[in-house]
N, C-alpha and C. Protein backbone atom coordinates (compact mmCIF):
# COMPACT_ATOMS: atom_id res chain seq x y z
N MET A 1 0.99 -1.25 0.19
CA MET A 1 0.22 0.07 0.01
C MET A 1 0.87 1.17 0.04
N SER A 2 0.52 2.28 -0.80
CA SER A 2 1.10 3.55 -0.82
C SER A 2 0.69 4.12 0.47
N PHE A 3 1.49 5.31 1.00
CA PHE A 3 1.24 5.97 2.26
C PHE A 3 -0.22 6.45 2.41
N TYR A 4 -0.73 6.99 1.37
CA TYR A 4 -2.15 7.51 1.12
C TYR A 4 -2.95 6.35 1.57
N ASP A 5 -2.78 5.32 0.91
CA ASP A 5 -3.54 4.11 1.05
C ASP A 5 -3.84 3.76 2.51
N VAL A 6 -2.64 3.78 3.14
CA VAL A 6 -2.65 3.32 4.50
C VAL A 6 -3.26 4.41 5.31
N LEU A 7 -3.05 5.74 5.05
CA LEU A 7 -3.69 6.73 5.87
C LEU A 7 -5.32 6.75 5.70
N HIS A 8 -5.82 6.33 4.51
CA HIS A 8 -7.29 6.14 4.41
C HIS A 8 -7.81 4.89 4.76
N ARG A 9 -6.92 3.98 4.97
CA ARG A 9 -7.43 2.62 5.21
C ARG A 9 -7.59 2.50 6.92
N ARG A 10 -6.70 3.37 7.36
CA ARG A 10 -6.73 3.12 8.87
C ARG A 10 -8.08 3.36 9.56
N ARG A 11 -8.51 2.50 10.46
CA ARG A 11 -9.74 2.63 11.31
C ARG A 11 -9.50 2.41 12.57
N ASP A 12 -10.75 2.72 13.53
CA ASP A 12 -10.45 2.60 14.91
C ASP A 12 -11.29 1.27 14.88
N THR A 13 -10.71 0.16 15.34
CA THR A 13 -11.23 -1.07 15.06
C THR A 13 -11.88 -1.66 16.26
N ARG A 14 -12.74 -2.37 16.35
CA ARG A 14 -13.53 -2.78 17.52
C ARG A 14 -13.96 -4.44 17.35
N GLY A 15 -14.80 -4.80 16.38
CA GLY A 15 -15.36 -6.04 16.32
C GLY A 15 -14.58 -6.90 15.43
N GLU A 16 -13.49 -6.28 14.77
CA GLU A 16 -12.97 -7.24 13.60
C GLU A 16 -11.93 -8.07 13.96
N PHE A 17 -11.37 -7.75 15.18
CA PHE A 17 -10.13 -8.61 15.69
C PHE A 17 -10.32 -10.19 15.62
N THR A 18 -9.29 -10.83 15.19
CA THR A 18 -9.29 -12.18 15.07
C THR A 18 -8.69 -12.99 16.46
N GLY A 19 -7.98 -12.36 17.26
CA GLY A 19 -7.30 -12.78 18.22
C GLY A 19 -6.18 -13.59 18.11
N ALA A 20 -5.80 -13.57 16.74
CA ALA A 20 -4.47 -14.31 16.40
C ALA A 20 -3.21 -13.60 17.01
N PRO A 21 -2.13 -14.23 17.37
CA PRO A 21 -0.85 -13.69 17.77
C PRO A 21 -0.23 -12.61 16.84
N ILE A 22 0.40 -11.69 17.39
CA ILE A 22 1.22 -10.94 16.62
C ILE A 22 2.67 -11.20 16.67
N PRO A 23 3.38 -11.63 15.41
CA PRO A 23 4.60 -12.15 15.46
C PRO A 23 5.40 -10.86 16.04
N ASP A 24 6.50 -11.49 16.90
CA ASP A 24 7.38 -10.48 17.68
C ASP A 24 8.27 -9.32 16.76
N ASP A 25 8.39 -9.84 15.57
CA ASP A 25 9.11 -8.94 14.61
C ASP A 25 8.28 -7.85 14.08
N VAL A 26 6.91 -8.16 13.86
CA VAL A 26 6.01 -7.24 13.51
C VAL A 26 5.80 -6.21 14.73
N LEU A 27 5.40 -6.74 15.83
CA LEU A 27 5.18 -5.85 16.87
C LEU A 27 6.37 -4.92 17.16
N ARG A 28 7.64 -5.56 16.98
CA ARG A 28 9.03 -4.54 17.25
C ARG A 28 8.75 -3.46 16.11
N ARG A 29 8.65 -3.68 14.90
CA ARG A 29 8.53 -2.79 13.92
C ARG A 29 7.39 -1.85 14.19
N VAL A 30 6.36 -2.02 14.71
CA VAL A 30 5.29 -0.99 14.76
C VAL A 30 5.69 -0.17 16.24
N LEU A 31 6.26 -0.89 17.20
CA LEU A 31 6.68 0.16 18.33
C LEU A 31 7.71 0.81 17.81
N THR A 32 8.66 0.52 17.12
CA THR A 32 9.93 1.24 16.51
C THR A 32 9.40 2.38 15.65
N ALA A 33 8.22 2.24 15.01
CA ALA A 33 7.60 3.22 14.26
C ALA A 33 7.13 4.35 15.33
N ALA A 34 6.53 3.91 16.30
CA ALA A 34 6.00 4.78 17.28
C ALA A 34 7.00 5.67 17.88
N HIS A 35 8.25 4.86 18.19
CA HIS A 35 9.20 5.52 19.12
C HIS A 35 9.98 6.58 18.14
N ALA A 36 9.95 6.32 16.47
CA ALA A 36 10.55 7.23 15.89
C ALA A 36 9.69 8.61 15.59
N ALA A 37 8.58 8.83 16.41
CA ALA A 37 7.78 10.15 16.13
C ALA A 37 8.53 11.34 16.68
N PRO A 38 8.32 12.44 16.18
CA PRO A 38 9.11 13.73 16.59
C PRO A 38 8.46 14.09 17.77
N SER A 39 9.26 14.70 18.48
CA SER A 39 8.72 15.14 19.92
C SER A 39 9.20 16.50 20.33
N VAL A 40 8.79 17.31 20.97
CA VAL A 40 9.17 18.48 21.64
C VAL A 40 10.42 18.62 22.23
N GLY A 41 11.41 19.28 21.79
CA GLY A 41 12.77 19.28 22.43
C GLY A 41 13.52 17.91 22.35
N LEU A 42 13.00 16.89 21.61
CA LEU A 42 13.49 15.65 21.50
C LEU A 42 13.24 14.99 22.80
N SER A 43 12.18 15.25 23.63
CA SER A 43 11.98 14.82 24.91
C SER A 43 11.58 13.21 24.97
N GLN A 44 11.00 12.97 23.96
CA GLN A 44 10.59 11.71 23.80
C GLN A 44 9.77 11.11 25.21
N PRO A 45 8.72 11.92 25.33
CA PRO A 45 8.06 11.80 26.60
C PRO A 45 6.92 10.52 26.75
N TRP A 46 7.13 9.59 25.87
CA TRP A 46 6.20 8.54 25.79
C TRP A 46 6.97 7.04 26.48
N ASP A 47 6.02 6.37 27.03
CA ASP A 47 6.45 4.65 27.30
C ASP A 47 5.27 3.89 26.69
N PHE A 48 5.61 2.75 26.49
CA PHE A 48 4.58 1.84 25.93
C PHE A 48 4.65 0.69 26.54
N ILE A 49 3.39 0.22 27.30
CA ILE A 49 3.19 -0.79 28.19
C ILE A 49 2.45 -1.97 27.30
N VAL A 50 3.18 -3.02 26.99
CA VAL A 50 2.49 -3.96 26.33
C VAL A 50 1.68 -5.05 27.28
N VAL A 51 0.37 -5.18 27.20
CA VAL A 51 -0.44 -5.82 28.13
C VAL A 51 -1.01 -7.18 27.27
N ARG A 52 -0.68 -8.29 27.84
CA ARG A 52 -1.04 -9.39 27.08
C ARG A 52 -1.83 -10.23 28.20
N ASP A 53 -1.71 -10.22 29.64
CA ASP A 53 -2.34 -11.11 30.61
C ASP A 53 -3.92 -10.87 30.35
N ARG A 54 -4.43 -11.81 30.45
CA ARG A 54 -6.10 -11.74 30.21
C ARG A 54 -6.83 -11.29 31.40
N ASP A 55 -6.26 -11.64 32.60
CA ASP A 55 -7.04 -10.92 33.92
C ASP A 55 -6.82 -9.58 33.99
N THR A 56 -5.63 -9.05 33.47
CA THR A 56 -5.54 -7.53 33.57
C THR A 56 -6.42 -6.96 32.61
N ARG A 57 -6.39 -7.43 31.44
CA ARG A 57 -7.34 -7.03 30.34
C ARG A 57 -8.80 -7.20 30.51
N ARG A 58 -9.25 -8.33 31.38
CA ARG A 58 -10.60 -8.41 31.72
C ARG A 58 -10.95 -7.34 32.74
N ALA A 59 -10.05 -7.21 33.67
CA ALA A 59 -10.46 -6.02 34.80
C ALA A 59 -10.61 -4.83 34.22
N PHE A 60 -9.64 -4.49 33.07
CA PHE A 60 -10.04 -3.13 32.56
C PHE A 60 -11.11 -3.10 31.65
N ARG A 61 -11.50 -4.18 30.90
CA ARG A 61 -12.64 -4.28 30.18
C ARG A 61 -13.92 -4.18 31.10
N ASP A 62 -13.84 -4.65 32.14
CA ASP A 62 -14.91 -4.52 33.01
C ASP A 62 -15.33 -2.91 33.60
N HIS A 63 -13.95 -2.36 33.89
CA HIS A 63 -14.13 -0.93 34.19
C HIS A 63 -14.68 -0.06 32.81
N VAL A 64 -14.21 -0.47 31.87
CA VAL A 64 -14.58 0.34 30.47
C VAL A 64 -16.11 0.26 30.40
N GLN A 65 -16.85 -0.95 30.71
CA GLN A 65 -18.21 -1.54 30.35
C GLN A 65 -18.93 -0.44 31.43
N ALA A 66 -18.47 -0.47 32.72
CA ALA A 66 -18.96 0.41 33.82
C ALA A 66 -19.07 1.78 33.23
N GLU A 67 -18.04 2.32 32.71
CA GLU A 67 -17.98 3.77 32.21
C GLU A 67 -18.77 3.96 30.92
N ARG A 68 -19.01 2.87 30.32
CA ARG A 68 -19.92 2.99 29.11
C ARG A 68 -21.49 3.19 29.57
N SER A 69 -21.82 2.29 30.57
CA SER A 69 -23.03 2.48 31.22
C SER A 69 -23.32 3.85 31.79
N VAL A 70 -22.30 4.53 32.54
CA VAL A 70 -22.45 5.98 32.88
C VAL A 70 -22.67 7.03 31.80
N PHE A 71 -21.93 6.76 30.70
CA PHE A 71 -22.24 7.68 29.52
C PHE A 71 -23.51 7.42 28.91
N ALA A 72 -23.99 6.17 28.75
CA ALA A 72 -25.31 5.86 28.37
C ALA A 72 -26.41 6.48 28.99
N THR A 73 -26.26 6.55 30.47
CA THR A 73 -27.34 7.23 31.22
C THR A 73 -27.51 8.96 30.76
N GLU A 74 -26.63 9.40 30.05
CA GLU A 74 -26.64 10.82 29.80
C GLU A 74 -27.31 10.92 28.45
N LEU A 75 -27.73 9.86 27.62
CA LEU A 75 -28.38 9.72 26.38
C LEU A 75 -29.99 9.69 26.51
N ASP A 76 -30.63 10.33 25.29
CA ASP A 76 -32.01 10.12 25.33
C ASP A 76 -32.38 9.74 24.08
N GLY A 77 -33.55 8.97 23.90
CA GLY A 77 -34.25 8.76 22.50
C GLY A 77 -33.44 7.90 21.50
N GLU A 78 -33.34 8.67 20.38
CA GLU A 78 -32.74 8.09 19.29
C GLU A 78 -31.18 8.14 19.45
N ARG A 79 -30.68 9.09 20.28
CA ARG A 79 -29.03 9.04 20.42
C ARG A 79 -28.63 7.85 21.34
N ALA A 80 -29.56 7.52 22.45
CA ALA A 80 -29.41 6.31 23.17
C ALA A 80 -29.48 5.03 22.57
N GLU A 81 -30.38 5.07 21.43
CA GLU A 81 -30.89 3.70 20.58
C GLU A 81 -29.52 3.64 19.75
N THR A 82 -29.10 4.56 19.31
CA THR A 82 -27.68 4.45 18.24
C THR A 82 -26.51 3.96 19.17
N PHE A 83 -26.36 4.76 20.17
CA PHE A 83 -25.10 4.27 21.07
C PHE A 83 -25.30 2.74 21.44
N ALA A 84 -26.43 2.29 21.68
CA ALA A 84 -26.51 1.09 22.14
C ALA A 84 -25.97 -0.01 21.23
N ARG A 85 -25.94 0.37 19.95
CA ARG A 85 -25.54 -0.53 18.79
C ARG A 85 -24.05 -0.42 18.59
N ILE A 86 -23.47 0.44 19.23
CA ILE A 86 -21.99 0.83 18.88
C ILE A 86 -21.04 0.09 20.00
N LYS A 87 -20.29 -0.67 19.43
CA LYS A 87 -19.11 -1.34 20.29
C LYS A 87 -18.14 -0.36 20.50
N VAL A 88 -17.69 -0.17 21.83
CA VAL A 88 -16.68 0.75 22.24
C VAL A 88 -15.39 0.26 22.47
N GLU A 89 -15.20 -1.05 22.50
CA GLU A 89 -13.78 -1.75 22.68
C GLU A 89 -13.67 -2.97 22.25
N GLY A 90 -12.50 -3.42 22.01
CA GLY A 90 -11.97 -4.68 21.55
C GLY A 90 -11.04 -5.37 22.53
N ILE A 91 -11.12 -5.09 23.78
CA ILE A 91 -10.04 -5.45 24.71
C ILE A 91 -9.70 -6.89 25.09
N MET A 92 -10.76 -7.70 24.78
CA MET A 92 -10.62 -9.15 24.99
C MET A 92 -10.31 -9.76 23.67
N GLU A 93 -11.11 -9.22 22.59
CA GLU A 93 -11.00 -9.87 21.32
C GLU A 93 -9.61 -9.60 20.70
N SER A 94 -8.76 -8.63 20.88
CA SER A 94 -7.56 -8.22 20.26
C SER A 94 -6.67 -9.08 20.81
N SER A 95 -5.24 -9.06 20.24
CA SER A 95 -4.31 -9.89 20.48
C SER A 95 -3.70 -9.42 21.88
N LEU A 96 -3.64 -8.14 21.99
CA LEU A 96 -2.90 -7.31 23.13
C LEU A 96 -3.38 -5.99 23.23
N GLY A 97 -2.99 -5.41 24.35
CA GLY A 97 -3.07 -3.92 24.62
C GLY A 97 -1.71 -3.18 24.61
N ILE A 98 -1.94 -2.27 24.18
CA ILE A 98 -0.69 -1.27 24.22
C ILE A 98 -0.89 0.14 24.80
N VAL A 99 -0.52 0.39 26.12
CA VAL A 99 -0.70 1.65 26.79
C VAL A 99 0.12 2.58 26.38
N VAL A 100 -0.13 3.71 26.23
CA VAL A 100 0.88 4.72 25.75
C VAL A 100 0.72 5.89 26.75
N THR A 101 1.86 6.24 27.38
CA THR A 101 1.84 7.20 28.44
C THR A 101 2.71 8.50 27.98
N TYR A 102 2.33 9.44 28.93
CA TYR A 102 3.03 10.77 28.86
C TYR A 102 3.68 11.11 30.05
N ASP A 103 5.14 11.29 30.15
CA ASP A 103 5.90 11.60 31.40
C ASP A 103 6.21 13.14 31.12
N PRO A 104 5.56 14.09 31.69
CA PRO A 104 6.16 15.40 31.49
C PRO A 104 7.42 15.74 32.08
N GLU A 105 8.08 14.75 32.88
CA GLU A 105 9.38 15.21 33.40
C GLU A 105 10.36 14.72 32.60
N ARG A 106 10.12 13.96 31.45
CA ARG A 106 11.10 13.57 30.59
C ARG A 106 11.76 14.73 29.92
N GLY A 107 12.92 14.78 29.89
CA GLY A 107 13.79 15.90 29.37
C GLY A 107 13.80 17.22 30.17
N SER A 108 13.24 17.12 31.37
CA SER A 108 13.13 18.47 32.29
C SER A 108 14.56 18.59 32.81
N PRO A 109 14.76 19.78 33.30
CA PRO A 109 13.82 20.80 33.61
C PRO A 109 13.65 21.79 32.22
N ALA A 110 14.52 21.92 31.43
CA ALA A 110 14.32 22.62 30.28
C ALA A 110 13.99 22.05 29.06
N VAL A 111 12.83 21.67 28.56
CA VAL A 111 12.33 21.14 27.57
C VAL A 111 12.23 22.05 26.37
N LEU A 112 13.02 22.12 25.45
CA LEU A 112 13.06 23.22 24.23
C LEU A 112 11.88 23.11 23.50
N GLY A 113 11.12 24.40 23.47
CA GLY A 113 9.90 24.45 22.79
C GLY A 113 8.74 24.22 23.73
N ARG A 114 8.65 23.93 24.70
CA ARG A 114 7.51 23.65 25.92
C ARG A 114 7.33 24.85 26.72
N HIS A 115 8.25 25.68 26.62
CA HIS A 115 7.96 26.84 27.69
C HIS A 115 6.72 27.72 27.39
N ALA A 116 6.28 27.85 26.26
CA ALA A 116 4.93 28.72 25.93
C ALA A 116 3.82 27.81 25.55
N ILE A 117 3.94 26.49 25.37
CA ILE A 117 2.91 25.53 25.31
C ILE A 117 3.02 24.35 26.03
N ALA A 118 2.31 24.52 27.25
CA ALA A 118 2.56 23.51 28.13
C ALA A 118 2.12 22.09 27.67
N ASP A 119 1.29 21.99 26.86
CA ASP A 119 0.76 20.62 26.20
C ASP A 119 1.52 20.22 25.08
N ALA A 120 2.62 20.87 24.68
CA ALA A 120 3.21 20.35 23.50
C ALA A 120 3.87 18.87 23.70
N GLY A 121 4.21 18.68 24.91
CA GLY A 121 4.85 17.03 25.09
C GLY A 121 3.55 16.12 24.91
N LEU A 122 2.39 16.38 25.38
CA LEU A 122 1.23 15.56 25.29
C LEU A 122 0.69 15.56 23.56
N TYR A 123 1.16 16.77 22.89
CA TYR A 123 0.91 16.46 21.28
C TYR A 123 2.03 15.64 20.89
N SER A 124 3.31 15.56 21.43
CA SER A 124 4.03 14.50 21.01
C SER A 124 3.75 13.21 21.03
N VAL A 125 3.26 12.84 22.33
CA VAL A 125 2.83 11.45 22.48
C VAL A 125 1.66 11.01 21.42
N CYS A 126 0.65 12.10 21.25
CA CYS A 126 -0.21 11.78 20.06
C CYS A 126 0.33 11.53 18.88
N LEU A 127 1.46 12.06 18.54
CA LEU A 127 2.26 11.74 17.32
C LEU A 127 2.84 10.33 17.05
N ALA A 128 3.05 9.98 18.32
CA ALA A 128 3.68 8.60 18.62
C ALA A 128 2.47 7.67 18.33
N ILE A 129 1.50 7.87 18.81
CA ILE A 129 0.31 7.05 18.72
C ILE A 129 -0.11 7.03 17.09
N GLN A 130 0.01 8.05 16.56
CA GLN A 130 -0.54 8.12 15.20
C GLN A 130 0.49 7.19 14.24
N ASN A 131 1.78 7.58 14.53
CA ASN A 131 2.89 6.71 14.02
C ASN A 131 2.52 5.08 14.21
N LEU A 132 2.32 4.76 15.41
CA LEU A 132 1.94 3.25 15.74
C LEU A 132 0.80 2.86 14.87
N TRP A 133 -0.34 3.67 14.69
CA TRP A 133 -1.52 3.23 14.24
C TRP A 133 -1.25 3.10 12.71
N LEU A 134 -0.53 3.86 11.92
CA LEU A 134 -0.22 3.91 10.65
C LEU A 134 0.60 2.76 10.38
N ALA A 135 1.69 2.38 11.22
CA ALA A 135 2.49 1.33 11.15
C ALA A 135 1.74 0.11 11.05
N ALA A 136 0.98 -0.07 12.10
CA ALA A 136 0.05 -1.27 12.29
C ALA A 136 -0.89 -1.55 11.30
N THR A 137 -1.29 -0.40 10.46
CA THR A 137 -2.23 -0.51 9.38
C THR A 137 -1.46 -1.21 8.21
N ALA A 138 -0.24 -0.54 7.96
CA ALA A 138 0.53 -1.26 7.13
C ALA A 138 1.03 -2.54 7.14
N GLU A 139 1.14 -3.15 8.31
CA GLU A 139 1.30 -4.46 8.70
C GLU A 139 0.21 -5.36 8.77
N GLY A 140 -1.00 -4.85 8.34
CA GLY A 140 -2.19 -5.51 8.31
C GLY A 140 -2.92 -5.78 9.55
N LEU A 141 -2.62 -5.03 10.81
CA LEU A 141 -3.05 -5.01 11.84
C LEU A 141 -4.22 -4.10 12.10
N GLY A 142 -5.10 -4.16 12.94
CA GLY A 142 -6.11 -3.41 13.39
C GLY A 142 -5.71 -2.69 14.69
N VAL A 143 -6.17 -1.53 15.16
CA VAL A 143 -5.91 -0.71 16.25
C VAL A 143 -7.15 -0.17 16.73
N GLY A 144 -7.55 -0.24 18.16
CA GLY A 144 -8.79 0.47 18.69
C GLY A 144 -8.36 1.32 19.80
N TRP A 145 -8.63 2.45 19.79
CA TRP A 145 -8.34 3.38 20.89
C TRP A 145 -9.57 3.37 21.99
N VAL A 146 -9.13 2.78 23.14
CA VAL A 146 -10.26 2.84 23.97
C VAL A 146 -10.35 4.09 25.04
N SER A 147 -11.40 4.77 24.90
CA SER A 147 -11.54 6.19 25.75
C SER A 147 -12.34 6.17 26.99
N PHE A 148 -13.19 5.02 27.04
CA PHE A 148 -14.22 4.97 28.20
C PHE A 148 -13.33 4.38 29.51
N TYR A 149 -12.64 5.10 30.02
CA TYR A 149 -11.96 4.81 31.39
C TYR A 149 -11.43 6.04 32.19
N ARG A 150 -11.18 5.81 33.48
CA ARG A 150 -10.67 6.88 34.37
C ARG A 150 -9.20 6.83 34.44
N GLU A 151 -8.59 7.75 34.10
CA GLU A 151 -7.12 7.69 34.32
C GLU A 151 -6.60 6.94 35.30
N ASP A 152 -7.01 7.41 36.66
CA ASP A 152 -6.59 7.10 37.82
C ASP A 152 -6.78 5.28 37.97
N GLU A 153 -7.69 5.00 37.53
CA GLU A 153 -8.12 3.43 37.48
C GLU A 153 -7.07 2.71 36.57
N LEU A 154 -6.61 3.35 35.58
CA LEU A 154 -5.55 2.71 34.63
C LEU A 154 -4.22 2.59 35.36
N ARG A 155 -3.89 3.96 35.98
CA ARG A 155 -2.74 4.07 36.54
C ARG A 155 -2.77 2.82 37.85
N ARG A 156 -3.70 2.60 38.68
CA ARG A 156 -3.88 1.53 39.62
C ARG A 156 -3.66 0.18 38.79
N LEU A 157 -4.39 -0.20 37.84
CA LEU A 157 -4.22 -1.35 37.23
C LEU A 157 -2.83 -1.85 36.91
N LEU A 158 -2.20 -0.81 36.37
CA LEU A 158 -0.72 -1.05 35.76
C LEU A 158 0.59 -0.39 36.36
N ASP A 159 0.21 0.04 37.65
CA ASP A 159 1.40 0.59 38.53
C ASP A 159 2.10 1.72 37.90
N ILE A 160 1.17 2.54 37.24
CA ILE A 160 1.74 3.78 36.58
C ILE A 160 1.89 4.74 37.55
N PRO A 161 3.07 5.48 37.72
CA PRO A 161 3.61 6.58 38.87
C PRO A 161 2.44 7.60 38.61
N ALA A 162 1.99 8.29 39.74
CA ALA A 162 1.09 9.31 39.58
C ALA A 162 1.53 10.44 38.80
N THR A 163 2.92 10.67 38.73
CA THR A 163 3.35 11.90 37.74
C THR A 163 3.21 11.38 36.26
N VAL A 164 2.89 10.23 35.93
CA VAL A 164 2.89 9.78 34.51
C VAL A 164 1.34 9.72 34.06
N ARG A 165 1.09 10.08 32.93
CA ARG A 165 -0.37 10.41 32.55
C ARG A 165 -0.69 9.26 31.33
N PRO A 166 -1.48 8.31 31.74
CA PRO A 166 -1.84 7.38 30.65
C PRO A 166 -2.80 8.03 29.52
N VAL A 167 -2.46 7.99 28.28
CA VAL A 167 -2.99 8.66 27.29
C VAL A 167 -3.80 7.80 26.44
N ALA A 168 -3.44 6.62 26.33
CA ALA A 168 -4.26 5.75 25.45
C ALA A 168 -4.01 4.20 25.65
N TRP A 169 -5.19 3.40 25.92
CA TRP A 169 -5.11 2.14 25.58
C TRP A 169 -5.58 1.80 24.37
N LEU A 170 -4.46 0.97 23.75
CA LEU A 170 -4.83 0.75 22.21
C LEU A 170 -4.98 -0.83 21.98
N CYS A 171 -6.01 -1.48 21.52
CA CYS A 171 -6.45 -2.74 21.35
C CYS A 171 -5.72 -2.79 19.86
N VAL A 172 -4.77 -3.94 19.85
CA VAL A 172 -3.98 -4.45 18.57
C VAL A 172 -4.13 -5.71 18.39
N GLY A 173 -4.14 -6.09 16.93
CA GLY A 173 -4.03 -7.38 16.67
C GLY A 173 -4.57 -7.59 15.25
N PRO A 174 -4.23 -8.64 14.52
CA PRO A 174 -4.68 -9.11 13.14
C PRO A 174 -6.36 -9.04 13.21
N VAL A 175 -6.71 -8.65 12.03
CA VAL A 175 -8.21 -8.45 11.86
C VAL A 175 -8.69 -9.15 10.82
N ALA A 176 -10.02 -9.57 10.82
CA ALA A 176 -10.45 -10.21 9.44
C ALA A 176 -10.85 -9.25 8.32
N CYS A 177 -10.95 -8.01 8.68
CA CYS A 177 -11.16 -6.92 7.79
C CYS A 177 -10.99 -5.65 8.40
N LEU A 178 -10.75 -4.53 7.62
CA LEU A 178 -10.85 -3.17 8.15
C LEU A 178 -12.15 -2.50 7.30
N PRO A 179 -13.18 -2.16 7.94
CA PRO A 179 -14.46 -1.58 7.29
C PRO A 179 -13.92 -0.59 6.39
N ASP A 180 -14.75 -0.17 5.21
CA ASP A 180 -14.55 0.92 4.34
C ASP A 180 -14.97 2.32 5.06
N THR A 181 -15.84 2.05 5.86
CA THR A 181 -16.56 3.23 6.67
C THR A 181 -16.33 3.10 8.07
N PRO A 182 -15.93 4.25 8.72
CA PRO A 182 -15.67 4.17 10.13
C PRO A 182 -16.95 3.81 11.01
N ASP A 183 -16.89 3.16 12.05
CA ASP A 183 -18.09 2.40 12.81
C ASP A 183 -19.06 3.81 13.07
N LEU A 184 -18.59 4.72 13.61
CA LEU A 184 -19.46 5.83 13.98
C LEU A 184 -20.31 6.24 12.95
N GLU A 185 -19.65 6.56 11.67
CA GLU A 185 -20.35 6.85 10.71
C GLU A 185 -21.33 5.95 10.09
N ARG A 186 -20.81 4.68 10.12
CA ARG A 186 -21.69 3.64 9.73
C ARG A 186 -23.11 3.45 10.51
N HIS A 187 -22.86 3.69 11.83
CA HIS A 187 -24.06 3.60 12.68
C HIS A 187 -24.85 4.91 12.83
N GLY A 188 -24.38 5.98 12.16
CA GLY A 188 -25.04 6.99 12.25
C GLY A 188 -24.99 8.11 13.30
N TRP A 189 -23.83 7.93 14.12
CA TRP A 189 -23.36 8.77 15.20
C TRP A 189 -22.97 10.11 14.61
N ARG A 190 -22.06 10.16 13.66
CA ARG A 190 -21.57 11.45 13.04
C ARG A 190 -21.12 11.03 11.71
N ASN A 191 -21.10 12.13 10.83
CA ASN A 191 -20.48 11.90 9.48
C ASN A 191 -19.15 12.80 9.34
N ARG A 192 -18.36 12.34 8.58
CA ARG A 192 -16.93 13.27 8.46
C ARG A 192 -17.36 14.45 7.59
N LEU A 193 -16.70 15.48 8.09
CA LEU A 193 -17.09 16.71 7.40
C LEU A 193 -16.26 16.77 6.07
N PRO A 194 -16.81 17.55 5.16
CA PRO A 194 -16.02 18.05 3.91
C PRO A 194 -14.92 18.85 4.28
N LEU A 195 -13.73 18.71 3.69
CA LEU A 195 -12.65 19.39 3.97
C LEU A 195 -12.68 20.87 3.95
N ASP A 196 -13.56 21.40 3.03
CA ASP A 196 -13.93 22.86 2.78
C ASP A 196 -14.68 23.36 3.96
N ASP A 197 -15.23 22.56 4.75
CA ASP A 197 -16.06 22.84 5.93
C ASP A 197 -15.11 23.43 7.09
N VAL A 198 -13.86 22.81 7.01
CA VAL A 198 -12.89 23.19 8.23
C VAL A 198 -11.74 23.96 7.67
N LEU A 199 -11.59 24.30 6.46
CA LEU A 199 -10.56 24.93 5.84
C LEU A 199 -10.79 26.50 5.68
N HIS A 200 -9.66 27.20 6.27
CA HIS A 200 -9.67 28.67 6.31
C HIS A 200 -8.45 29.26 5.47
N GLN A 201 -8.72 30.41 4.98
CA GLN A 201 -7.62 31.08 4.37
C GLN A 201 -7.33 32.36 5.06
N GLU A 202 -6.06 32.58 5.50
CA GLU A 202 -5.40 33.69 6.11
C GLU A 202 -5.93 33.99 7.46
N ARG A 203 -7.44 34.04 7.71
CA ARG A 203 -7.87 34.07 9.05
C ARG A 203 -9.10 33.19 9.25
N TYR A 204 -9.36 32.91 10.59
CA TYR A 204 -10.44 32.04 11.00
C TYR A 204 -11.73 32.56 10.54
N THR A 205 -12.53 31.68 10.01
CA THR A 205 -13.93 32.27 9.53
C THR A 205 -14.96 31.61 10.19
N ARG A 206 -15.76 32.43 11.14
CA ARG A 206 -16.72 31.82 11.93
C ARG A 206 -17.81 31.28 11.05
N ARG A 207 -18.30 29.94 11.50
CA ARG A 207 -19.38 29.49 10.61
C ARG A 207 -20.35 29.11 11.60
N PRO A 208 -21.70 28.72 10.94
CA PRO A 208 -22.75 28.27 11.75
C PRO A 208 -22.50 27.08 12.57
N SER A 209 -22.99 27.03 13.77
CA SER A 209 -22.77 25.73 14.75
C SER A 209 -23.12 24.58 13.98
N ARG A 210 -22.46 23.34 14.29
CA ARG A 210 -22.87 22.23 13.55
C ARG A 210 -23.39 21.24 14.74
């Protein structure tokens, strides 16, 4: 696949995981790609925790399902019906989890380029996640970013220090397929906006609320 093929083929995967193991060399290439991401001041403020243990994954899955239920109580009518059809995680179905963290102390006290934008280090971690995701897609793997969790609960589960922020639990593994259309769009939650709706020239142009 060309780079643009990989970019547009990438999906937030939920129900397509096969559970097959990831070859060690493939996993190493994907993590190496993530670690090759650019970072503010070359601080490289990320860590990657590979989680294979099924008991740990099951405990996290149970927490995620509880948080899903909390969110569901905030929805009414058609929105609630739509959300009920959406799968929000593939924690047990995937081959493993990769938790990506942010350590704001990495490279301190003087992180070149972060003095005026405190979140620049967090942005760097997001670049590493995108690198990982694209590399996984190129390797024929699926990735699903789980977002229904409390950070303190994930810290406790994986012994993450209080000063380190868990940014993402990524479900990773071989998939039966990657859907042509993202799940949320397929289920009618939201549609992707046309580029021209978010493109501005010279100045920010205010548009009607969507």
